Amino acid sequence: MYEYHLSDKLTAAGYLPLGQIMIAEAFAQGKDIELMCDSVLGGAVPVHLRVRTINGRIYAMMPRKRKIAVQPAGQPARIIA
């Protein structure tokens, strides 16, 4: 599993490892996903992902992107409204 440097604080804030199950739950609820990423300048930056279905498969995609999906690799994420 991917180990994030702020994992203790993020777990307390409600973040879980991103996986296909979380993406499917967000799609079923009609909600987006917030992914925590490292910034180039140092620190953590939240990134919002849209959950879409393409050819019968569910993907978490960056906003305003139609071809670039995020690969679930255990990054800290949570379902948001």
C-alpha atoms as a PDB file:
ATOM      1  CA  MET A   1       0.000   0.000   0.000  1.00  0.00           C
ATOM      2  CA  TYR A   2       1.121   3.544  -0.745  1.00  0.00           C
ATOM      3  CA  GLU A   3       2.359   5.263   2.440  1.00  0.00           C
ATOM      4  CA  TYR A   4       1.682   8.985   2.595  1.00  0.00           C
ATOM      5  CA  HIS A   5       3.752  11.197   4.876  1.00  0.00           C
ATOM      6  CA  LEU A   6       0.713  12.704   6.665  1.00  0.00           C
ATOM      7  CA  SER A   7      -1.235   9.457   6.890  1.00  0.00           C
ATOM      8  CA  ASP A   8      -1.975   9.691  10.633  1.00  0.00           C
ATOM      9  CA  LYS A   9      -3.505  13.166  10.387  1.00  0.00           C
ATOM     10  CA  LEU A  10      -5.412  12.336   7.205  1.00  0.00           C
ATOM     11  CA  THR A  11      -6.873   9.144   8.667  1.00  0.00           C
ATOM     12  CA  ALA A  12      -8.196  11.191  11.576  1.00  0.00           C
ATOM     13  CA  ALA A  13      -9.715  13.644   9.054  1.00  0.00           C
ATOM     14  CA  GLY A  14     -11.640  10.847   7.288  1.00  0.00           C
ATOM     15  CA  TYR A  15      -9.304   9.978   4.424  1.00  0.00           C
ATOM     16  CA  LEU A  16      -8.984   6.349   3.303  1.00  0.00           C
ATOM     17  CA  PRO A  17      -6.785   4.682   0.660  1.00  0.00           C
ATOM     18  CA  LEU A  18      -8.183   5.236  -2.832  1.00  0.00           C
ATOM     19  CA  GLY A  19      -9.342   2.039  -4.484  1.00  0.00           C
ATOM     20  CA  GLN A  20     -11.837   0.864  -7.053  1.00  0.00           C
ATOM     21  CA  ILE A  21     -14.387   0.214  -4.285  1.00  0.00           C
ATOM     22  CA  MET A  22     -14.296   3.877  -3.188  1.00  0.00           C
ATOM     23  CA  ILE A  23     -14.692   5.006  -6.800  1.00  0.00           C
ATOM     24  CA  ALA A  24     -17.726   2.726  -7.241  1.00  0.00           C
ATOM     25  CA  GLU A  25     -19.288   4.015  -3.991  1.00  0.00           C
ATOM     26  CA  ALA A  26     -18.829   7.633  -5.077  1.00  0.00           C
ATOM     27  CA  PHE A  27     -20.428   6.856  -8.439  1.00  0.00           C
ATOM     28  CA  ALA A  28     -23.399   5.142  -6.773  1.00  0.00           C
ATOM     29  CA  GLN A  29     -23.897   8.146  -4.470  1.00  0.00           C
ATOM     30  CA  GLY A  30     -23.373  10.689  -7.260  1.00  0.00           C
ATOM     31  CA  LYS A  31     -20.523  12.405  -5.418  1.00  0.00           C
ATOM     32  CA  ASP A  32     -16.954  13.468  -6.183  1.00  0.00           C
ATOM     33  CA  ILE A  33     -13.680  12.349  -4.596  1.00  0.00           C
ATOM     34  CA  GLU A  34     -11.104  14.544  -2.902  1.00  0.00           C
ATOM     35  CA  LEU A  35      -7.554  13.238  -3.384  1.00  0.00           C
ATOM     36  CA  MET A  36      -4.657  14.531  -1.277  1.00  0.00           C
ATOM     37  CA  CYS A  37      -1.475  15.106  -3.308  1.00  0.00           C
ATOM     38  CA  ASP A  38       1.966  16.506  -2.584  1.00  0.00           C
ATOM     39  CA  SER A  39       2.660  20.007  -3.858  1.00  0.00           C
ATOM     40  CA  VAL A  40       5.805  20.910  -5.755  1.00  0.00           C
ATOM     41  CA  LEU A  41       6.400  23.640  -3.177  1.00  0.00           C
ATOM     42  CA  GLY A  42       6.051  21.199  -0.279  1.00  0.00           C
ATOM     43  CA  GLY A  43       2.888  20.446   1.589  1.00  0.00           C
ATOM     44  CA  ALA A  44      -0.380  18.750   0.843  1.00  0.00           C
ATOM     45  CA  VAL A  45      -2.887  19.957  -1.760  1.00  0.00           C
ATOM     46  CA  PRO A  46      -6.416  18.547  -2.172  1.00  0.00           C
ATOM     47  CA  VAL A  47      -7.443  17.663  -5.736  1.00  0.00           C
ATOM     48  CA  HIS A  48     -11.089  17.070  -6.671  1.00  0.00           C
ATOM     49  CA  LEU A  49     -11.860  14.162  -8.975  1.00  0.00           C
ATOM     50  CA  ARG A  50     -15.031  13.623 -10.985  1.00  0.00           C
ATOM     51  CA  VAL A  51     -16.376  10.071 -11.141  1.00  0.00           C
ATOM     52  CA  ARG A  52     -17.574   9.088 -14.614  1.00  0.00           C
ATOM     53  CA  THR A  53     -18.557   5.988 -16.502  1.00  0.00           C
ATOM     54  CA  ILE A  54     -16.970   5.337 -19.895  1.00  0.00           C
ATOM     55  CA  ASN A  55     -17.953   2.260 -21.921  1.00  0.00           C
ATOM     56  CA  GLY A  56     -19.447   0.630 -18.837  1.00  0.00           C
ATOM     57  CA  ARG A  57     -16.377   1.158 -16.602  1.00  0.00           C
ATOM     58  CA  ILE A  58     -16.155   3.661 -13.737  1.00  0.00           C
ATOM     59  CA  TYR A  59     -13.197   6.070 -13.596  1.00  0.00           C
ATOM     60  CA  ALA A  60     -12.053   8.887 -11.296  1.00  0.00           C
ATOM     61  CA  MET A  61     -10.962  11.718 -13.566  1.00  0.00           C
ATOM     62  CA  MET A  62      -9.439  15.143 -13.146  1.00  0.00           C
ATOM     63  CA  PRO A  63     -11.950  17.982 -13.664  1.00  0.00           C
ATOM     64  CA  ARG A  64     -12.312  19.151 -17.281  1.00  0.00           C
ATOM     65  CA  LYS A  65     -10.346  16.112 -18.536  1.00  0.00           C
ATOM     66  CA  ARG A  66     -11.912  13.535 -20.813  1.00  0.00           C
ATOM     67  CA  LYS A  67      -8.996  11.178 -21.374  1.00  0.00           C
ATOM     68  CA  ILE A  68      -6.879  11.238 -18.209  1.00  0.00           C
ATOM     69  CA  ALA A  69      -8.045   8.962 -15.388  1.00  0.00           C
ATOM     70  CA  VAL A  70      -6.375   8.628 -11.989  1.00  0.00           C
ATOM     71  CA  GLN A  71      -5.053   5.155 -11.211  1.00  0.00           C
ATOM     72  CA  PRO A  72      -6.133   4.047  -7.719  1.00  0.00           C
ATOM     73  CA  ALA A  73      -2.916   3.156  -5.877  1.00  0.00           C
ATOM     74  CA  GLY A  74      -3.867   3.700  -2.250  1.00  0.00           C
ATOM     75  CA  GLN A  75      -3.525   7.491  -2.242  1.00  0.00           C
ATOM     76  CA  PRO A  76      -5.373   9.236   0.617  1.00  0.00           C
ATOM     77  CA  ALA A  77      -8.860  10.175  -0.573  1.00  0.00           C
ATOM     78  CA  ARG A  78     -12.397  10.725   0.683  1.00  0.00           C
ATOM     79  CA  ILE A  79     -15.853  11.034  -0.840  1.00  0.00           C
ATOM     80  CA  ILE A  80     -17.197  14.591  -0.820  1.00  0.00           C
ATOM     81  CA  ALA A  81     -20.522  16.151  -1.729  1.00  0.00           C
END
